Amino acid sequence: MTFATSVQVRFADVDPAGIVFYPRYFEMLNAVVEDWFAQDLGMSFKQLHLVDHIGVPTVKLEVTFLSPSELGDILTITITPDQVGRSSCTFNALFSGDGRDRLRLEVVLVCMDMATQRSRPWPESVRRGMLAALATA
């Protein structure tokens, strides 16, 4: 199952040319990943990071910029899992709005023990949610 949410392009997101300054897309993506974990996978970043001491760093990020986004645009961002491993998850993300795809990404997250800074298995409930999303994608 695809996770989807919408964001509005704000004044702070655009550069003097009036289009989204590309690093802002990565901030938007991170916020959507945080929402995905809390809303669909059942574990907030607060629980993961501050209580369980688990990080979820991005270890691969492949991006294709397709069309610019401007101040005031409403973008729909979707996350679709592609592969789920013991301690990693590959997903595709798509930013779209007003009938145009704006940005396409392939992302790999790794579940990391923050104390040792080494990979560790996903919490079972998170992995189960990822696999369920993968099965319906």
N, C-alpha and C. Protein backbone atom coordinates (compact mmCIF):
# COMPACT_ATOMS: atom_id res chain seq x y z
N MET A 1 0.85 -1.18 0.00
CA MET A 1 0.00 0.00 0.00
C MET A 1 0.89 1.24 0.00
N THR A 2 0.52 2.18 -0.78
CA THR A 2 1.25 3.44 -0.88
C THR A 2 0.82 4.37 0.25
N PHE A 3 1.80 5.03 0.86
CA PHE A 3 1.51 6.08 1.83
C PHE A 3 1.55 7.40 1.08
N ALA A 4 0.55 8.24 1.26
CA ALA A 4 0.50 9.53 0.56
C ALA A 4 0.07 10.63 1.51
N THR A 5 0.64 11.79 1.31
CA THR A 5 0.27 12.98 2.05
C THR A 5 0.53 14.19 1.16
N SER A 6 0.05 15.33 1.57
CA SER A 6 0.24 16.55 0.78
C SER A 6 0.96 17.61 1.60
N VAL A 7 1.75 18.42 0.90
CA VAL A 7 2.43 19.55 1.51
C VAL A 7 2.27 20.75 0.59
N GLN A 8 2.30 21.93 1.18
CA GLN A 8 2.27 23.16 0.40
C GLN A 8 3.68 23.72 0.30
N VAL A 9 4.06 24.16 -0.89
CA VAL A 9 5.35 24.81 -1.06
C VAL A 9 5.25 26.19 -0.42
N ARG A 10 6.11 26.43 0.53
CA ARG A 10 6.09 27.68 1.30
C ARG A 10 7.20 28.62 0.82
N PHE A 11 7.10 29.86 1.28
CA PHE A 11 8.08 30.90 0.93
C PHE A 11 9.50 30.46 1.27
N ALA A 12 9.66 29.80 2.41
CA ALA A 12 11.00 29.34 2.84
C ALA A 12 11.56 28.25 1.93
N ASP A 13 10.72 27.63 1.11
CA ASP A 13 11.15 26.53 0.25
C ASP A 13 11.70 26.97 -1.10
N VAL A 14 11.46 28.22 -1.49
CA VAL A 14 11.82 28.64 -2.83
C VAL A 14 13.07 29.52 -2.84
N ASP A 15 13.75 29.51 -3.98
CA ASP A 15 14.95 30.32 -4.16
C ASP A 15 14.58 31.60 -4.93
N PRO A 16 15.54 32.48 -5.20
CA PRO A 16 15.22 33.72 -5.91
C PRO A 16 14.62 33.52 -7.30
N ALA A 17 14.80 32.34 -7.88
CA ALA A 17 14.18 32.06 -9.18
C ALA A 17 12.69 31.72 -9.03
N GLY A 18 12.24 31.57 -7.78
CA GLY A 18 10.83 31.29 -7.52
C GLY A 18 10.44 29.82 -7.56
N ILE A 19 11.45 28.94 -7.62
CA ILE A 19 11.17 27.50 -7.63
C ILE A 19 11.78 26.87 -6.37
N VAL A 20 11.32 25.66 -6.06
CA VAL A 20 11.81 24.99 -4.86
C VAL A 20 13.32 24.81 -4.96
N PHE A 21 14.03 25.27 -3.93
CA PHE A 21 15.47 25.05 -3.80
C PHE A 21 15.65 23.58 -3.47
N TYR A 22 16.38 22.85 -4.31
CA TYR A 22 16.36 21.38 -4.29
C TYR A 22 16.59 20.74 -2.92
N PRO A 23 17.44 21.27 -2.01
CA PRO A 23 17.56 20.60 -0.70
C PRO A 23 16.26 20.61 0.10
N ARG A 24 15.37 21.53 -0.19
CA ARG A 24 14.09 21.58 0.53
C ARG A 24 13.24 20.35 0.24
N TYR A 25 13.37 19.80 -0.98
CA TYR A 25 12.67 18.56 -1.28
C TYR A 25 13.09 17.45 -0.32
N PHE A 26 14.38 17.41 0.03
CA PHE A 26 14.87 16.36 0.93
C PHE A 26 14.32 16.55 2.34
N GLU A 27 14.16 17.81 2.75
CA GLU A 27 13.53 18.07 4.05
C GLU A 27 12.07 17.64 4.04
N MET A 28 11.37 17.93 2.93
CA MET A 28 9.98 17.49 2.80
C MET A 28 9.90 15.97 2.84
N LEU A 29 10.80 15.31 2.12
CA LEU A 29 10.81 13.85 2.10
C LEU A 29 11.02 13.29 3.50
N ASN A 30 11.96 13.86 4.24
CA ASN A 30 12.22 13.37 5.59
C ASN A 30 10.97 13.51 6.47
N ALA A 31 10.26 14.61 6.33
CA ALA A 31 9.03 14.82 7.11
C ALA A 31 7.98 13.77 6.74
N VAL A 32 7.89 13.44 5.45
CA VAL A 32 6.93 12.44 5.01
C VAL A 32 7.31 11.05 5.52
N VAL A 33 8.60 10.74 5.51
CA VAL A 33 9.05 9.46 6.07
C VAL A 33 8.68 9.39 7.56
N GLU A 34 8.88 10.48 8.26
CA GLU A 34 8.51 10.53 9.68
C GLU A 34 7.02 10.28 9.86
N ASP A 35 6.19 10.88 9.00
CA ASP A 35 4.74 10.65 9.06
C ASP A 35 4.40 9.20 8.71
N TRP A 36 5.08 8.64 7.73
CA TRP A 36 4.85 7.24 7.33
C TRP A 36 5.09 6.30 8.51
N PHE A 37 6.20 6.51 9.20
CA PHE A 37 6.50 5.67 10.35
C PHE A 37 5.43 5.81 11.43
N ALA A 38 5.03 7.03 11.73
CA ALA A 38 4.05 7.26 12.81
C ALA A 38 2.66 6.78 12.42
N GLN A 39 2.23 7.09 11.20
CA GLN A 39 0.84 6.84 10.82
C GLN A 39 0.59 5.44 10.25
N ASP A 40 1.51 4.92 9.46
CA ASP A 40 1.28 3.62 8.83
C ASP A 40 2.05 2.48 9.49
N LEU A 41 3.24 2.79 10.00
CA LEU A 41 4.07 1.72 10.56
C LEU A 41 3.95 1.63 12.07
N GLY A 42 3.24 2.56 12.68
CA GLY A 42 2.92 2.47 14.09
C GLY A 42 4.04 2.80 15.06
N MET A 43 5.07 3.51 14.60
CA MET A 43 6.14 3.88 15.52
C MET A 43 6.65 5.28 15.18
N SER A 44 6.47 6.20 16.10
CA SER A 44 6.91 7.58 15.88
C SER A 44 8.43 7.68 15.94
N PHE A 45 8.95 8.72 15.33
CA PHE A 45 10.38 8.98 15.42
C PHE A 45 10.78 9.26 16.86
N LYS A 46 9.90 9.84 17.65
CA LYS A 46 10.20 10.06 19.07
C LYS A 46 10.45 8.72 19.75
N GLN A 47 9.56 7.76 19.51
CA GLN A 47 9.74 6.43 20.10
C GLN A 47 11.02 5.79 19.59
N LEU A 48 11.21 5.80 18.28
CA LEU A 48 12.40 5.18 17.69
C LEU A 48 13.69 5.79 18.24
N HIS A 49 13.80 7.11 18.12
CA HIS A 49 15.06 7.77 18.41
C HIS A 49 15.31 8.00 19.89
N LEU A 50 14.33 8.54 20.59
CA LEU A 50 14.56 8.95 21.97
C LEU A 50 14.33 7.85 23.00
N VAL A 51 13.44 6.92 22.68
CA VAL A 51 13.14 5.85 23.64
C VAL A 51 13.92 4.58 23.30
N ASP A 52 13.81 4.13 22.04
CA ASP A 52 14.44 2.88 21.64
C ASP A 52 15.87 3.05 21.12
N HIS A 53 16.30 4.28 20.91
CA HIS A 53 17.66 4.59 20.44
C HIS A 53 17.97 3.90 19.11
N ILE A 54 16.99 4.01 18.21
CA ILE A 54 17.11 3.45 16.87
C ILE A 54 17.07 4.60 15.88
N GLY A 55 18.06 4.66 15.01
CA GLY A 55 18.08 5.65 13.94
C GLY A 55 17.64 4.99 12.64
N VAL A 56 17.22 5.80 11.69
CA VAL A 56 16.84 5.30 10.36
C VAL A 56 17.49 6.18 9.28
N PRO A 57 18.82 6.15 9.22
CA PRO A 57 19.50 7.00 8.25
C PRO A 57 19.23 6.57 6.81
N THR A 58 19.26 7.56 5.94
CA THR A 58 19.19 7.32 4.51
C THR A 58 20.60 6.96 4.05
N VAL A 59 20.75 5.80 3.41
CA VAL A 59 22.07 5.37 2.95
C VAL A 59 22.20 5.43 1.43
N LYS A 60 21.06 5.59 0.76
CA LYS A 60 21.08 5.76 -0.70
C LYS A 60 19.92 6.67 -1.07
N LEU A 61 20.21 7.59 -1.98
CA LEU A 61 19.19 8.53 -2.42
C LEU A 61 19.47 8.84 -3.90
N GLU A 62 18.61 8.31 -4.76
CA GLU A 62 18.74 8.55 -6.19
C GLU A 62 17.55 9.39 -6.63
N VAL A 63 17.84 10.53 -7.26
CA VAL A 63 16.80 11.51 -7.54
C VAL A 63 16.77 11.87 -9.02
N THR A 64 15.55 12.01 -9.53
CA THR A 64 15.34 12.56 -10.86
C THR A 64 14.40 13.75 -10.72
N PHE A 65 14.87 14.92 -11.09
CA PHE A 65 14.05 16.14 -11.06
C PHE A 65 13.32 16.23 -12.39
N LEU A 66 12.00 16.30 -12.34
CA LEU A 66 11.19 16.22 -13.56
C LEU A 66 10.58 17.55 -13.98
N SER A 67 10.13 18.33 -13.00
CA SER A 67 9.44 19.57 -13.30
C SER A 67 9.52 20.47 -12.08
N PRO A 68 9.71 21.77 -12.23
CA PRO A 68 9.86 22.64 -11.06
C PRO A 68 8.55 22.80 -10.29
N SER A 69 8.70 23.10 -9.01
CA SER A 69 7.57 23.44 -8.14
C SER A 69 7.75 24.87 -7.69
N GLU A 70 6.62 25.57 -7.53
CA GLU A 70 6.65 26.99 -7.21
C GLU A 70 5.90 27.28 -5.92
N LEU A 71 6.14 28.47 -5.39
CA LEU A 71 5.47 28.95 -4.19
C LEU A 71 3.96 28.76 -4.31
N GLY A 72 3.37 28.14 -3.28
CA GLY A 72 1.94 27.93 -3.25
C GLY A 72 1.47 26.61 -3.83
N ASP A 73 2.32 25.92 -4.58
CA ASP A 73 1.93 24.62 -5.13
C ASP A 73 1.59 23.65 -3.99
N ILE A 74 0.61 22.82 -4.22
CA ILE A 74 0.29 21.72 -3.31
C ILE A 74 0.86 20.46 -3.95
N LEU A 75 1.77 19.81 -3.23
CA LEU A 75 2.42 18.61 -3.74
C LEU A 75 1.91 17.39 -2.99
N THR A 76 1.58 16.36 -3.72
CA THR A 76 1.27 15.07 -3.12
C THR A 76 2.55 14.25 -3.16
N ILE A 77 2.91 13.71 -2.02
CA ILE A 77 4.12 12.90 -1.92
C ILE A 77 3.70 11.49 -1.54
N THR A 78 4.11 10.53 -2.37
CA THR A 78 3.78 9.14 -2.11
C THR A 78 5.04 8.33 -1.85
N ILE A 79 4.92 7.38 -0.95
CA ILE A 79 5.98 6.44 -0.63
C ILE A 79 5.45 5.05 -0.94
N THR A 80 6.18 4.31 -1.76
CA THR A 80 5.81 2.95 -2.11
C THR A 80 6.99 2.03 -1.84
N PRO A 81 6.89 1.15 -0.85
CA PRO A 81 7.99 0.23 -0.57
C PRO A 81 8.27 -0.67 -1.77
N ASP A 82 9.55 -0.97 -1.98
CA ASP A 82 9.98 -1.80 -3.09
C ASP A 82 10.65 -3.09 -2.59
N GLN A 83 11.45 -2.97 -1.52
CA GLN A 83 12.12 -4.14 -0.92
C GLN A 83 12.25 -3.90 0.58
N VAL A 84 12.06 -4.97 1.33
CA VAL A 84 12.23 -4.90 2.78
C VAL A 84 13.17 -6.02 3.19
N GLY A 85 14.28 -5.63 3.81
CA GLY A 85 15.24 -6.61 4.30
C GLY A 85 15.20 -6.69 5.81
N ARG A 86 16.15 -7.40 6.36
CA ARG A 86 16.25 -7.56 7.81
C ARG A 86 16.45 -6.22 8.49
N SER A 87 17.27 -5.36 7.88
CA SER A 87 17.59 -4.07 8.50
C SER A 87 17.55 -2.91 7.51
N SER A 88 17.00 -3.15 6.33
CA SER A 88 16.93 -2.07 5.34
C SER A 88 15.56 -2.07 4.67
N CYS A 89 15.25 -0.94 4.06
CA CYS A 89 14.01 -0.79 3.30
C CYS A 89 14.29 0.12 2.11
N THR A 90 13.97 -0.37 0.94
CA THR A 90 14.07 0.44 -0.28
C THR A 90 12.65 0.86 -0.65
N PHE A 91 12.48 2.15 -0.91
CA PHE A 91 11.16 2.63 -1.35
C PHE A 91 11.32 3.65 -2.45
N ASN A 92 10.24 3.81 -3.21
CA ASN A 92 10.17 4.84 -4.23
C ASN A 92 9.30 5.96 -3.70
N ALA A 93 9.68 7.17 -3.99
CA ALA A 93 8.89 8.33 -3.60
C ALA A 93 8.62 9.16 -4.85
N LEU A 94 7.43 9.72 -4.88
CA LEU A 94 7.04 10.57 -6.00
C LEU A 94 6.42 11.84 -5.46
N PHE A 95 6.91 12.98 -5.92
CA PHE A 95 6.32 14.29 -5.64
C PHE A 95 5.55 14.68 -6.90
N SER A 96 4.27 14.99 -6.75
CA SER A 96 3.48 15.40 -7.91
C SER A 96 2.51 16.49 -7.49
N GLY A 97 2.02 17.21 -8.47
CA GLY A 97 1.05 18.25 -8.20
C GLY A 97 0.57 18.88 -9.48
N ASP A 98 -0.69 19.26 -9.50
CA ASP A 98 -1.29 19.94 -10.63
C ASP A 98 -1.11 19.14 -11.93
N GLY A 99 -1.24 17.82 -11.79
CA GLY A 99 -1.16 16.96 -12.97
C GLY A 99 0.22 16.68 -13.51
N ARG A 100 1.26 17.09 -12.77
CA ARG A 100 2.64 16.87 -13.24
C ARG A 100 3.45 16.17 -12.16
N ASP A 101 4.28 15.22 -12.56
CA ASP A 101 5.27 14.65 -11.64
C ASP A 101 6.41 15.65 -11.54
N ARG A 102 6.85 15.92 -10.31
CA ARG A 102 7.88 16.93 -10.08
C ARG A 102 9.24 16.30 -9.79
N LEU A 103 9.21 15.19 -9.04
CA LEU A 103 10.46 14.61 -8.51
C LEU A 103 10.21 13.14 -8.26
N ARG A 104 11.14 12.30 -8.66
CA ARG A 104 11.05 10.86 -8.43
C ARG A 104 12.32 10.43 -7.70
N LEU A 105 12.16 9.62 -6.66
CA LEU A 105 13.31 9.20 -5.87
C LEU A 105 13.29 7.71 -5.59
N GLU A 106 14.48 7.13 -5.46
CA GLU A 106 14.64 5.79 -4.89
C GLU A 106 15.47 5.99 -3.63
N VAL A 107 14.98 5.47 -2.53
CA VAL A 107 15.59 5.72 -1.22
C VAL A 107 15.82 4.40 -0.52
N VAL A 108 16.97 4.29 0.15
CA VAL A 108 17.23 3.14 1.01
C VAL A 108 17.46 3.66 2.43
N LEU A 109 16.65 3.16 3.35
CA LEU A 109 16.82 3.44 4.78
C LEU A 109 17.42 2.21 5.44
N VAL A 110 18.20 2.43 6.49
CA VAL A 110 18.74 1.34 7.28
C VAL A 110 18.35 1.56 8.73
N CYS A 111 17.98 0.48 9.38
CA CYS A 111 17.69 0.52 10.81
C CYS A 111 19.02 0.43 11.55
N MET A 112 19.31 1.40 12.41
CA MET A 112 20.62 1.50 13.04
C MET A 112 20.51 1.62 14.55
N ASP A 113 21.31 0.86 15.25
CA ASP A 113 21.46 1.00 16.70
C ASP A 113 22.27 2.28 16.92
N MET A 114 21.68 3.26 17.58
CA MET A 114 22.36 4.56 17.73
C MET A 114 23.59 4.49 18.62
N ALA A 115 23.62 3.56 19.55
CA ALA A 115 24.78 3.44 20.45
C ALA A 115 26.00 2.88 19.71
N THR A 116 25.78 1.86 18.88
CA THR A 116 26.91 1.22 18.18
C THR A 116 27.11 1.77 16.78
N GLN A 117 26.11 2.48 16.26
CA GLN A 117 26.09 3.00 14.89
C GLN A 117 26.29 1.88 13.87
N ARG A 118 25.65 0.76 14.15
CA ARG A 118 25.66 -0.40 13.26
C ARG A 118 24.22 -0.79 12.96
N SER A 119 24.05 -1.44 11.83
CA SER A 119 22.70 -1.87 11.48
C SER A 119 22.19 -2.90 12.49
N ARG A 120 20.88 -2.95 12.60
CA ARG A 120 20.21 -3.90 13.49
C ARG A 120 18.88 -4.24 12.83
N PRO A 121 18.26 -5.33 13.23
CA PRO A 121 16.96 -5.67 12.63
C PRO A 121 15.91 -4.61 12.94
N TRP A 122 14.98 -4.44 12.00
CA TRP A 122 13.85 -3.56 12.25
C TRP A 122 13.06 -4.08 13.45
N PRO A 123 12.47 -3.20 14.23
CA PRO A 123 11.51 -3.68 15.23
C PRO A 123 10.43 -4.49 14.48
N GLU A 124 10.02 -5.59 15.06
CA GLU A 124 9.12 -6.51 14.36
C GLU A 124 7.85 -5.83 13.86
N SER A 125 7.27 -4.95 14.67
CA SER A 125 6.03 -4.29 14.24
C SER A 125 6.26 -3.38 13.03
N VAL A 126 7.41 -2.71 12.98
CA VAL A 126 7.74 -1.84 11.84
C VAL A 126 7.95 -2.69 10.58
N ARG A 127 8.72 -3.76 10.73
CA ARG A 127 8.99 -4.64 9.58
C ARG A 127 7.70 -5.25 9.06
N ARG A 128 6.83 -5.66 9.96
CA ARG A 128 5.54 -6.23 9.57
C ARG A 128 4.73 -5.21 8.75
N GLY A 129 4.73 -3.95 9.19
CA GLY A 129 4.02 -2.90 8.47
C GLY A 129 4.62 -2.65 7.10
N MET A 130 5.95 -2.66 7.02
CA MET A 130 6.61 -2.48 5.72
C MET A 130 6.26 -3.61 4.78
N LEU A 131 6.32 -4.86 5.29
CA LEU A 131 6.01 -6.02 4.45
C LEU A 131 4.55 -5.99 3.99
N ALA A 132 3.65 -5.57 4.86
CA ALA A 132 2.24 -5.47 4.49
C ALA A 132 2.06 -4.43 3.39
N ALA A 133 2.77 -3.32 3.49
CA ALA A 133 2.70 -2.27 2.47
C ALA A 133 3.29 -2.78 1.16
N LEU A 134 4.35 -3.53 1.25
CA LEU A 134 5.01 -4.09 0.07
C LEU A 134 4.07 -5.08 -0.63
N ALA A 135 3.37 -5.86 0.15
CA ALA A 135 2.50 -6.90 -0.42
C ALA A 135 1.33 -6.30 -1.18
N THR A 136 0.91 -5.10 -0.81
CA THR A 136 -0.25 -4.48 -1.46
C THR A 136 0.15 -3.40 -2.46
N ALA A 137 1.45 -3.15 -2.62
CA ALA A 137 1.91 -2.09 -3.53
C ALA A 137 1.74 -2.49 -4.97
